Amino acid sequence: MKPIAVVFVSMFLVGLVRAAEAPASVAELFVTPENLQIVRRVEKVDVCILRHIEPTARPDGSVDRSTERYEETAFVSVPDATAKSLRELLLSGQTYDWKAGSGGKRPQFYLRLRFHQGDEVIAIDFCFMCHVLSVTKKGADLGHANFGHNSDLFLQAFLKVFPNDEPLKHVAKEAGLPP
């Protein structure tokens, strides 16, 4: 009976550690007020599609995750109305499911949205398969959150920028959005 109790306690503690790492608010997601200001007072918003490059296999058959990466397509300017919608979604606490775990899924990001203010840039990567976004600044991870509550609104906004992108249209169709 003791080994079972140890397993349950261990699982509980791991859950607590993961919950402690996850942000509980928009302010925590962006880490500092300065990062939030970049998004709030943005001068330019652009977006690109990310092409996932699979990790290579080592001679022993294991996977070398250090070779996994994303290649950016050319960035496209986001129209002002769409940029405003995206900014409002990202800054709304109602967008996120703060208590949701990652469910063990490894995100495969498809879009990178960037907010520019002078030389400062906040980048946000979106995975529509697991409804996770990742916020970075100068390549450093700031945080990640589940955006399941408003995933349809994000999809609709990005379809305005990339109306002919087949993978994005496919995800929208699977989500039940009209063509």
N, C-alpha and C. Protein backbone atom coordinates (compact mmCIF):
# COMPACT_ATOMS: atom_id res chain seq x y z
N MET A 1 0.81 -1.18 0.00
CA MET A 1 0.00 0.00 0.00
C MET A 1 0.86 1.26 0.00
N LYS A 2 2.01 1.20 0.67
CA LYS A 2 2.87 2.37 0.74
C LYS A 2 3.36 2.83 -0.64
N PRO A 3 3.80 1.94 -1.54
CA PRO A 3 4.26 2.40 -2.85
C PRO A 3 3.18 3.15 -3.62
N ILE A 4 1.94 2.73 -3.48
CA ILE A 4 0.85 3.43 -4.17
C ILE A 4 0.69 4.84 -3.61
N ALA A 5 0.77 4.99 -2.31
CA ALA A 5 0.66 6.30 -1.69
C ALA A 5 1.79 7.21 -2.15
N VAL A 6 2.99 6.66 -2.25
CA VAL A 6 4.14 7.45 -2.71
C VAL A 6 3.90 7.94 -4.14
N VAL A 7 3.37 7.07 -5.00
CA VAL A 7 3.08 7.45 -6.38
C VAL A 7 2.06 8.59 -6.42
N PHE A 8 0.98 8.48 -5.65
CA PHE A 8 -0.04 9.52 -5.65
C PHE A 8 0.49 10.84 -5.11
N VAL A 9 1.26 10.79 -4.05
CA VAL A 9 1.84 12.00 -3.48
C VAL A 9 2.80 12.64 -4.49
N SER A 10 3.60 11.83 -5.16
CA SER A 10 4.53 12.35 -6.17
C SER A 10 3.78 13.02 -7.29
N MET A 11 2.71 12.39 -7.77
CA MET A 11 1.93 12.97 -8.85
C MET A 11 1.30 14.28 -8.41
N PHE A 12 0.82 14.34 -7.17
CA PHE A 12 0.23 15.55 -6.63
C PHE A 12 1.26 16.68 -6.58
N LEU A 13 2.46 16.37 -6.09
CA LEU A 13 3.51 17.38 -5.99
C LEU A 13 3.94 17.88 -7.36
N VAL A 14 4.06 16.99 -8.34
CA VAL A 14 4.40 17.40 -9.70
C VAL A 14 3.33 18.34 -10.23
N GLY A 15 2.06 18.03 -9.97
CA GLY A 15 0.96 18.90 -10.39
C GLY A 15 1.05 20.27 -9.75
N LEU A 16 1.41 20.32 -8.48
CA LEU A 16 1.57 21.61 -7.81
C LEU A 16 2.70 22.42 -8.41
N VAL A 17 3.82 21.76 -8.71
CA VAL A 17 4.96 22.46 -9.30
C VAL A 17 4.56 23.03 -10.66
N ARG A 18 3.88 22.23 -11.49
CA ARG A 18 3.45 22.72 -12.80
C ARG A 18 2.48 23.87 -12.66
N ALA A 19 1.54 23.79 -11.71
CA ALA A 19 0.58 24.86 -11.50
C ALA A 19 1.29 26.12 -11.04
N ALA A 20 2.33 25.97 -10.22
CA ALA A 20 3.06 27.13 -9.75
C ALA A 20 3.83 27.81 -10.88
N GLU A 21 4.25 27.02 -11.88
CA GLU A 21 5.00 27.59 -13.00
C GLU A 21 4.10 28.34 -13.97
N ALA A 22 2.84 27.93 -14.08
CA ALA A 22 1.93 28.54 -15.04
C ALA A 22 1.51 29.92 -14.55
N PRO A 23 1.38 30.88 -15.48
CA PRO A 23 0.95 32.21 -15.06
C PRO A 23 -0.51 32.17 -14.61
N ALA A 24 -0.87 33.08 -13.75
CA ALA A 24 -2.25 33.15 -13.25
C ALA A 24 -2.98 34.37 -13.78
N SER A 25 -2.28 35.20 -14.56
CA SER A 25 -2.90 36.41 -15.09
C SER A 25 -2.11 36.88 -16.31
N VAL A 26 -2.72 37.82 -17.02
CA VAL A 26 -2.05 38.40 -18.19
C VAL A 26 -0.75 39.07 -17.75
N ALA A 27 -0.77 39.77 -16.62
CA ALA A 27 0.44 40.44 -16.14
C ALA A 27 1.57 39.44 -15.91
N GLU A 28 1.25 38.28 -15.33
CA GLU A 28 2.28 37.26 -15.11
C GLU A 28 2.74 36.65 -16.43
N LEU A 29 1.84 36.50 -17.38
CA LEU A 29 2.20 35.93 -18.68
C LEU A 29 3.25 36.78 -19.38
N PHE A 30 3.11 38.10 -19.31
CA PHE A 30 4.05 39.00 -19.97
C PHE A 30 5.20 39.43 -19.07
N VAL A 31 5.19 39.01 -17.81
CA VAL A 31 6.26 39.14 -16.81
C VAL A 31 6.44 40.55 -16.26
N THR A 32 6.59 41.56 -17.12
CA THR A 32 6.83 42.92 -16.62
C THR A 32 5.82 43.90 -17.21
N PRO A 33 5.58 45.01 -16.52
CA PRO A 33 4.70 46.05 -17.07
C PRO A 33 5.24 46.61 -18.40
N GLU A 34 6.56 46.63 -18.54
CA GLU A 34 7.17 47.14 -19.78
C GLU A 34 6.80 46.24 -20.97
N ASN A 35 6.79 44.94 -20.76
CA ASN A 35 6.41 44.04 -21.83
C ASN A 35 4.94 44.22 -22.21
N LEU A 36 4.10 44.42 -21.22
CA LEU A 36 2.69 44.68 -21.50
C LEU A 36 2.53 45.98 -22.29
N GLN A 37 3.33 46.98 -21.95
CA GLN A 37 3.24 48.27 -22.65
C GLN A 37 3.63 48.15 -24.13
N ILE A 38 4.56 47.26 -24.44
CA ILE A 38 4.92 47.05 -25.84
C ILE A 38 3.70 46.59 -26.62
N VAL A 39 2.92 45.70 -26.04
CA VAL A 39 1.72 45.20 -26.71
C VAL A 39 0.62 46.27 -26.70
N ARG A 40 0.47 46.97 -25.61
CA ARG A 40 -0.58 48.00 -25.52
C ARG A 40 -0.31 49.19 -26.44
N ARG A 41 0.91 49.62 -26.52
CA ARG A 41 1.27 50.83 -27.28
C ARG A 41 2.07 50.48 -28.53
N VAL A 42 1.65 49.46 -29.17
CA VAL A 42 2.36 48.92 -30.32
C VAL A 42 2.44 49.94 -31.46
N GLU A 43 3.57 49.93 -32.16
CA GLU A 43 3.75 50.77 -33.34
C GLU A 43 3.52 49.98 -34.63
N LYS A 44 3.83 48.67 -34.55
CA LYS A 44 3.72 47.82 -35.73
C LYS A 44 3.41 46.40 -35.27
N VAL A 45 2.54 45.73 -36.03
CA VAL A 45 2.21 44.33 -35.75
C VAL A 45 2.39 43.55 -37.05
N ASP A 46 3.14 42.45 -36.97
CA ASP A 46 3.29 41.59 -38.14
C ASP A 46 3.21 40.14 -37.72
N VAL A 47 3.04 39.27 -38.71
CA VAL A 47 2.84 37.85 -38.43
C VAL A 47 3.46 37.04 -39.55
N CYS A 48 3.91 35.84 -39.21
CA CYS A 48 4.42 34.91 -40.21
C CYS A 48 3.94 33.51 -39.88
N ILE A 49 4.06 32.65 -40.87
CA ILE A 49 3.77 31.24 -40.69
C ILE A 49 5.09 30.56 -40.32
N LEU A 50 5.04 29.65 -39.38
CA LEU A 50 6.22 28.92 -38.95
C LEU A 50 6.21 27.53 -39.59
N ARG A 51 7.32 27.17 -40.16
CA ARG A 51 7.48 25.82 -40.72
C ARG A 51 8.31 25.00 -39.75
N HIS A 52 7.69 23.96 -39.23
CA HIS A 52 8.35 23.10 -38.24
C HIS A 52 9.35 22.18 -38.92
N ILE A 53 10.58 22.18 -38.45
CA ILE A 53 11.62 21.29 -38.93
C ILE A 53 11.81 20.21 -37.86
N GLU A 54 11.49 18.98 -38.24
CA GLU A 54 11.55 17.86 -37.30
C GLU A 54 12.98 17.63 -36.80
N PRO A 55 13.12 17.12 -35.57
CA PRO A 55 14.46 16.80 -35.05
C PRO A 55 15.02 15.60 -35.81
N THR A 56 16.32 15.53 -35.85
CA THR A 56 16.97 14.41 -36.54
C THR A 56 17.17 13.25 -35.57
N ALA A 57 17.35 12.08 -36.16
CA ALA A 57 17.60 10.88 -35.36
C ALA A 57 19.11 10.67 -35.23
N ARG A 58 19.52 10.22 -34.08
CA ARG A 58 20.92 9.88 -33.85
C ARG A 58 21.15 8.47 -34.37
N PRO A 59 22.41 8.09 -34.54
CA PRO A 59 22.71 6.72 -35.01
C PRO A 59 22.12 5.62 -34.12
N ASP A 60 21.97 5.91 -32.81
CA ASP A 60 21.41 4.90 -31.92
C ASP A 60 19.88 4.85 -31.96
N GLY A 61 19.25 5.70 -32.79
CA GLY A 61 17.81 5.71 -32.94
C GLY A 61 17.10 6.72 -32.05
N SER A 62 17.81 7.31 -31.11
CA SER A 62 17.18 8.33 -30.26
C SER A 62 17.01 9.62 -31.05
N VAL A 63 16.22 10.52 -30.53
CA VAL A 63 15.91 11.79 -31.21
C VAL A 63 16.79 12.89 -30.64
N ASP A 64 17.39 13.67 -31.52
CA ASP A 64 18.21 14.81 -31.12
C ASP A 64 17.35 16.06 -31.18
N ARG A 65 16.70 16.39 -30.07
CA ARG A 65 15.78 17.55 -30.01
C ARG A 65 16.50 18.87 -30.28
N SER A 66 17.80 18.93 -30.12
CA SER A 66 18.53 20.18 -30.36
C SER A 66 18.49 20.58 -31.84
N THR A 67 18.14 19.65 -32.71
CA THR A 67 18.07 19.98 -34.14
C THR A 67 16.67 20.40 -34.57
N GLU A 68 15.70 20.28 -33.69
CA GLU A 68 14.33 20.72 -33.99
C GLU A 68 14.28 22.24 -34.00
N ARG A 69 13.58 22.80 -34.97
CA ARG A 69 13.50 24.26 -35.05
C ARG A 69 12.31 24.67 -35.90
N TYR A 70 12.14 25.98 -36.01
CA TYR A 70 11.10 26.56 -36.86
C TYR A 70 11.76 27.52 -37.83
N GLU A 71 11.29 27.50 -39.06
CA GLU A 71 11.71 28.49 -40.05
C GLU A 71 10.55 29.44 -40.27
N GLU A 72 10.85 30.72 -40.25
CA GLU A 72 9.82 31.74 -40.46
C GLU A 72 9.64 32.00 -41.95
N THR A 73 8.39 32.13 -42.38
CA THR A 73 8.14 32.64 -43.72
C THR A 73 8.30 34.16 -43.64
N ALA A 74 8.11 34.85 -44.72
CA ALA A 74 8.20 36.31 -44.70
C ALA A 74 7.09 36.87 -43.79
N PHE A 75 7.44 37.88 -43.02
CA PHE A 75 6.44 38.52 -42.15
C PHE A 75 5.53 39.41 -42.99
N VAL A 76 4.26 39.42 -42.59
CA VAL A 76 3.23 40.20 -43.27
C VAL A 76 2.66 41.18 -42.25
N SER A 77 2.47 42.43 -42.66
CA SER A 77 1.86 43.42 -41.77
C SER A 77 0.41 43.04 -41.49
N VAL A 78 0.01 43.22 -40.25
CA VAL A 78 -1.37 42.93 -39.85
C VAL A 78 -2.16 44.23 -39.97
N PRO A 79 -3.29 44.21 -40.68
CA PRO A 79 -4.12 45.43 -40.78
C PRO A 79 -4.50 45.96 -39.40
N ASP A 80 -4.66 47.27 -39.29
CA ASP A 80 -4.91 47.91 -37.99
C ASP A 80 -6.09 47.32 -37.23
N ALA A 81 -7.21 47.09 -37.89
CA ALA A 81 -8.40 46.57 -37.20
C ALA A 81 -8.14 45.17 -36.66
N THR A 82 -7.45 44.35 -37.44
CA THR A 82 -7.13 42.99 -37.00
C THR A 82 -6.10 43.02 -35.88
N ALA A 83 -5.12 43.91 -35.99
CA ALA A 83 -4.11 44.06 -34.93
C ALA A 83 -4.77 44.47 -33.62
N LYS A 84 -5.74 45.38 -33.71
CA LYS A 84 -6.46 45.81 -32.51
C LYS A 84 -7.21 44.65 -31.88
N SER A 85 -7.88 43.84 -32.70
CA SER A 85 -8.62 42.68 -32.19
C SER A 85 -7.68 41.69 -31.51
N LEU A 86 -6.54 41.41 -32.15
CA LEU A 86 -5.57 40.48 -31.58
C LEU A 86 -5.01 41.00 -30.26
N ARG A 87 -4.70 42.30 -30.23
CA ARG A 87 -4.17 42.91 -29.01
C ARG A 87 -5.19 42.79 -27.88
N GLU A 88 -6.45 43.10 -28.17
CA GLU A 88 -7.49 43.02 -27.14
C GLU A 88 -7.66 41.59 -26.63
N LEU A 89 -7.62 40.63 -27.54
CA LEU A 89 -7.71 39.22 -27.13
C LEU A 89 -6.56 38.83 -26.22
N LEU A 90 -5.35 39.21 -26.61
CA LEU A 90 -4.16 38.84 -25.83
C LEU A 90 -4.13 39.50 -24.46
N LEU A 91 -4.70 40.68 -24.34
CA LEU A 91 -4.65 41.41 -23.08
C LEU A 91 -5.86 41.14 -22.18
N SER A 92 -6.80 40.33 -22.66
CA SER A 92 -7.98 40.00 -21.87
C SER A 92 -7.73 38.72 -21.07
N GLY A 93 -7.93 38.81 -19.79
CA GLY A 93 -7.80 37.63 -18.94
C GLY A 93 -8.83 36.56 -19.27
N GLN A 94 -9.94 36.95 -19.90
CA GLN A 94 -10.99 36.00 -20.29
C GLN A 94 -10.56 35.08 -21.43
N THR A 95 -9.49 35.42 -22.11
CA THR A 95 -9.00 34.63 -23.23
C THR A 95 -8.40 33.31 -22.77
N TYR A 96 -7.87 33.29 -21.58
CA TYR A 96 -7.04 32.17 -21.14
C TYR A 96 -7.74 31.25 -20.16
N ASP A 97 -7.31 30.00 -20.18
CA ASP A 97 -7.71 29.02 -19.19
C ASP A 97 -6.49 28.83 -18.29
N TRP A 98 -6.43 29.62 -17.22
CA TRP A 98 -5.24 29.66 -16.37
C TRP A 98 -4.99 28.36 -15.64
N LYS A 99 -6.02 27.55 -15.46
CA LYS A 99 -5.86 26.32 -14.70
C LYS A 99 -5.59 25.11 -15.58
N ALA A 100 -5.68 25.29 -16.89
CA ALA A 100 -5.49 24.16 -17.79
C ALA A 100 -4.02 23.77 -17.84
N GLY A 101 -3.78 22.50 -17.84
CA GLY A 101 -2.43 21.99 -18.01
C GLY A 101 -2.15 21.80 -19.48
N SER A 102 -0.95 21.45 -19.80
CA SER A 102 -0.59 21.24 -21.21
C SER A 102 -1.10 19.90 -21.71
N GLY A 103 -1.56 19.05 -20.83
CA GLY A 103 -2.09 17.76 -21.23
C GLY A 103 -1.05 16.83 -21.81
N GLY A 104 0.21 17.13 -21.57
CA GLY A 104 1.27 16.28 -22.06
C GLY A 104 1.57 16.46 -23.53
N LYS A 105 0.87 17.36 -24.19
CA LYS A 105 1.12 17.59 -25.62
C LYS A 105 2.31 18.51 -25.80
N ARG A 106 3.07 18.24 -26.81
CA ARG A 106 4.19 19.11 -27.17
C ARG A 106 3.69 20.06 -28.24
N PRO A 107 3.63 21.36 -27.96
CA PRO A 107 3.09 22.29 -28.95
C PRO A 107 3.89 22.26 -30.26
N GLN A 108 3.17 22.38 -31.34
CA GLN A 108 3.80 22.57 -32.64
C GLN A 108 3.26 23.89 -33.16
N PHE A 109 4.03 24.93 -32.97
CA PHE A 109 3.58 26.28 -33.28
C PHE A 109 3.45 26.48 -34.79
N TYR A 110 2.42 27.27 -35.16
CA TYR A 110 2.15 27.48 -36.57
C TYR A 110 2.26 28.95 -36.99
N LEU A 111 1.97 29.86 -36.08
CA LEU A 111 2.05 31.29 -36.41
C LEU A 111 2.88 32.02 -35.37
N ARG A 112 3.60 33.05 -35.83
CA ARG A 112 4.35 33.93 -34.93
C ARG A 112 3.85 35.35 -35.15
N LEU A 113 3.28 35.92 -34.11
CA LEU A 113 2.77 37.29 -34.12
C LEU A 113 3.76 38.16 -33.37
N ARG A 114 4.12 39.31 -33.96
CA ARG A 114 5.09 40.18 -33.29
C ARG A 114 4.50 41.57 -33.09
N PHE A 115 4.76 42.12 -31.89
CA PHE A 115 4.37 43.47 -31.54
C PHE A 115 5.65 44.29 -31.40
N HIS A 116 5.76 45.36 -32.17
CA HIS A 116 6.97 46.20 -32.18
C HIS A 116 6.68 47.54 -31.54
N GLN A 117 7.59 47.98 -30.70
CA GLN A 117 7.59 49.33 -30.17
C GLN A 117 9.05 49.77 -30.13
N GLY A 118 9.42 50.61 -31.08
CA GLY A 118 10.82 50.98 -31.22
C GLY A 118 11.64 49.74 -31.53
N ASP A 119 12.72 49.52 -30.79
CA ASP A 119 13.57 48.34 -30.97
C ASP A 119 13.08 47.12 -30.20
N GLU A 120 12.07 47.30 -29.39
CA GLU A 120 11.56 46.20 -28.56
C GLU A 120 10.50 45.41 -29.33
N VAL A 121 10.58 44.09 -29.20
CA VAL A 121 9.63 43.20 -29.89
C VAL A 121 9.18 42.10 -28.94
N ILE A 122 7.88 41.94 -28.84
CA ILE A 122 7.29 40.81 -28.13
C ILE A 122 6.76 39.86 -29.21
N ALA A 123 7.18 38.61 -29.18
CA ALA A 123 6.72 37.61 -30.15
C ALA A 123 5.82 36.61 -29.45
N ILE A 124 4.77 36.22 -30.14
CA ILE A 124 3.82 35.25 -29.59
C ILE A 124 3.61 34.16 -30.63
N ASP A 125 3.93 32.93 -30.26
CA ASP A 125 3.75 31.77 -31.13
C ASP A 125 2.47 31.06 -30.74
N PHE A 126 1.72 30.60 -31.76
CA PHE A 126 0.43 29.96 -31.54
C PHE A 126 0.44 28.51 -32.03
N CYS A 127 -0.04 27.61 -31.18
CA CYS A 127 -0.30 26.22 -31.56
C CYS A 127 -1.82 26.03 -31.48
N PHE A 128 -2.44 25.82 -32.65
CA PHE A 128 -3.89 25.66 -32.67
C PHE A 128 -4.34 24.23 -32.41
N MET A 129 -3.41 23.31 -32.42
CA MET A 129 -3.77 21.92 -32.12
C MET A 129 -3.98 21.71 -30.62
N CYS A 130 -3.14 22.37 -29.82
CA CYS A 130 -3.27 22.21 -28.37
C CYS A 130 -3.69 23.50 -27.67
N HIS A 131 -3.97 24.56 -28.44
CA HIS A 131 -4.47 25.84 -27.91
C HIS A 131 -3.51 26.46 -26.90
N VAL A 132 -2.24 26.47 -27.25
CA VAL A 132 -1.22 27.05 -26.39
C VAL A 132 -0.53 28.18 -27.14
N LEU A 133 -0.22 29.23 -26.42
CA LEU A 133 0.61 30.28 -26.99
C LEU A 133 1.82 30.47 -26.11
N SER A 134 2.91 30.91 -26.73
CA SER A 134 4.17 31.12 -26.04
C SER A 134 4.62 32.55 -26.30
N VAL A 135 4.98 33.26 -25.24
CA VAL A 135 5.39 34.66 -25.33
C VAL A 135 6.90 34.73 -25.13
N THR A 136 7.59 35.40 -26.07
CA THR A 136 9.04 35.56 -25.96
C THR A 136 9.44 37.01 -26.22
N LYS A 137 10.62 37.34 -25.74
CA LYS A 137 11.23 38.64 -26.00
C LYS A 137 12.72 38.40 -26.21
N LYS A 138 13.22 38.80 -27.34
CA LYS A 138 14.63 38.59 -27.70
C LYS A 138 15.02 37.11 -27.57
N GLY A 139 14.11 36.24 -27.94
CA GLY A 139 14.37 34.80 -27.89
C GLY A 139 14.23 34.16 -26.53
N ALA A 140 14.02 34.96 -25.49
CA ALA A 140 13.87 34.42 -24.13
C ALA A 140 12.39 34.17 -23.84
N ASP A 141 12.11 32.99 -23.31
CA ASP A 141 10.75 32.61 -22.99
C ASP A 141 10.24 33.43 -21.81
N LEU A 142 9.10 34.11 -22.01
CA LEU A 142 8.47 34.84 -20.92
C LEU A 142 7.40 34.00 -20.24
N GLY A 143 6.64 33.28 -21.04
CA GLY A 143 5.59 32.46 -20.47
C GLY A 143 4.76 31.81 -21.55
N HIS A 144 3.84 30.97 -21.12
CA HIS A 144 2.92 30.31 -22.04
C HIS A 144 1.58 30.14 -21.35
N ALA A 145 0.52 30.04 -22.15
CA ALA A 145 -0.81 29.89 -21.59
C ALA A 145 -1.72 29.18 -22.58
N ASN A 146 -2.78 28.61 -22.06
CA ASN A 146 -3.80 27.98 -22.89
C ASN A 146 -4.81 29.06 -23.29
N PHE A 147 -5.13 29.12 -24.58
CA PHE A 147 -6.06 30.13 -25.06
C PHE A 147 -7.34 29.51 -25.62
N GLY A 148 -7.72 28.38 -25.10
CA GLY A 148 -8.88 27.65 -25.60
C GLY A 148 -10.17 28.44 -25.65
N HIS A 149 -10.38 29.35 -24.69
CA HIS A 149 -11.63 30.09 -24.63
C HIS A 149 -11.88 30.92 -25.90
N ASN A 150 -10.86 31.48 -26.47
CA ASN A 150 -11.03 32.36 -27.63
C ASN A 150 -10.27 31.87 -28.86
N SER A 151 -10.07 30.57 -28.97
CA SER A 151 -9.31 30.07 -30.11
C SER A 151 -9.98 30.41 -31.43
N ASP A 152 -11.32 30.38 -31.47
CA ASP A 152 -12.03 30.72 -32.71
C ASP A 152 -11.78 32.17 -33.11
N LEU A 153 -11.72 33.07 -32.13
CA LEU A 153 -11.49 34.48 -32.44
C LEU A 153 -10.08 34.70 -32.98
N PHE A 154 -9.11 34.00 -32.42
CA PHE A 154 -7.75 34.08 -32.96
C PHE A 154 -7.72 33.56 -34.40
N LEU A 155 -8.35 32.40 -34.62
CA LEU A 155 -8.39 31.83 -35.96
C LEU A 155 -9.02 32.79 -36.96
N GLN A 156 -10.15 33.39 -36.60
CA GLN A 156 -10.82 34.32 -37.50
C GLN A 156 -9.93 35.51 -37.84
N ALA A 157 -9.22 36.02 -36.84
CA ALA A 157 -8.32 37.15 -37.08
C ALA A 157 -7.18 36.76 -38.01
N PHE A 158 -6.57 35.61 -37.78
CA PHE A 158 -5.45 35.19 -38.62
C PHE A 158 -5.90 34.83 -40.04
N LEU A 159 -7.13 34.35 -40.18
CA LEU A 159 -7.65 34.07 -41.53
C LEU A 159 -7.84 35.35 -42.34
N LYS A 160 -8.01 36.48 -41.67
CA LYS A 160 -8.09 37.76 -42.38
C LYS A 160 -6.74 38.11 -42.99
N VAL A 161 -5.67 37.69 -42.34
CA VAL A 161 -4.32 37.97 -42.83
C VAL A 161 -3.89 36.91 -43.85
N PHE A 162 -4.23 35.67 -43.59
CA PHE A 162 -3.85 34.54 -44.46
C PHE A 162 -5.11 33.80 -44.95
N PRO A 163 -5.94 34.45 -45.77
CA PRO A 163 -7.21 33.82 -46.17
C PRO A 163 -7.05 32.58 -47.03
N ASN A 164 -5.92 32.40 -47.68
CA ASN A 164 -5.73 31.25 -48.56
C ASN A 164 -4.81 30.18 -47.99
N ASP A 165 -4.47 30.29 -46.73
CA ASP A 165 -3.58 29.31 -46.12
C ASP A 165 -4.36 28.04 -45.81
N GLU A 166 -4.03 26.96 -46.51
CA GLU A 166 -4.79 25.70 -46.39
C GLU A 166 -4.73 25.09 -44.99
N PRO A 167 -3.56 24.97 -44.34
CA PRO A 167 -3.55 24.40 -42.98
C PRO A 167 -4.40 25.23 -42.00
N LEU A 168 -4.35 26.54 -42.11
CA LEU A 168 -5.14 27.39 -41.22
C LEU A 168 -6.64 27.22 -41.51
N LYS A 169 -7.00 27.14 -42.78
CA LYS A 169 -8.40 26.90 -43.15
C LYS A 169 -8.87 25.54 -42.65
N HIS A 170 -7.98 24.55 -42.70
CA HIS A 170 -8.32 23.21 -42.22
C HIS A 170 -8.60 23.23 -40.72
N VAL A 171 -7.77 23.90 -39.95
CA VAL A 171 -7.97 24.00 -38.51
C VAL A 171 -9.28 24.73 -38.22
N ALA A 172 -9.56 25.79 -38.98
CA ALA A 172 -10.81 26.54 -38.78
C ALA A 172 -12.02 25.65 -39.08
N LYS A 173 -11.92 24.85 -40.14
CA LYS A 173 -13.02 23.94 -40.49
C LYS A 173 -13.24 22.91 -39.38
N GLU A 174 -12.13 22.36 -38.85
CA GLU A 174 -12.24 21.39 -37.75
C GLU A 174 -12.84 22.02 -36.51
N ALA A 175 -12.62 23.33 -36.33
CA ALA A 175 -13.17 24.04 -35.18
C ALA A 175 -14.65 24.41 -35.39
N GLY A 176 -15.14 24.13 -36.61
CA GLY A 176 -16.56 24.42 -36.90
C GLY A 176 -16.83 25.82 -37.38
N LEU A 177 -15.77 26.53 -37.77
CA LEU A 177 -15.96 27.89 -38.29
C LEU A 177 -16.47 27.82 -39.73
N PRO A 178 -17.30 28.78 -40.13
CA PRO A 178 -17.78 28.77 -41.51
C PRO A 178 -16.63 29.07 -42.48
N PRO A 179 -16.71 28.48 -43.70
CA PRO A 179 -15.63 28.69 -44.68
C PRO A 179 -15.54 30.13 -45.16
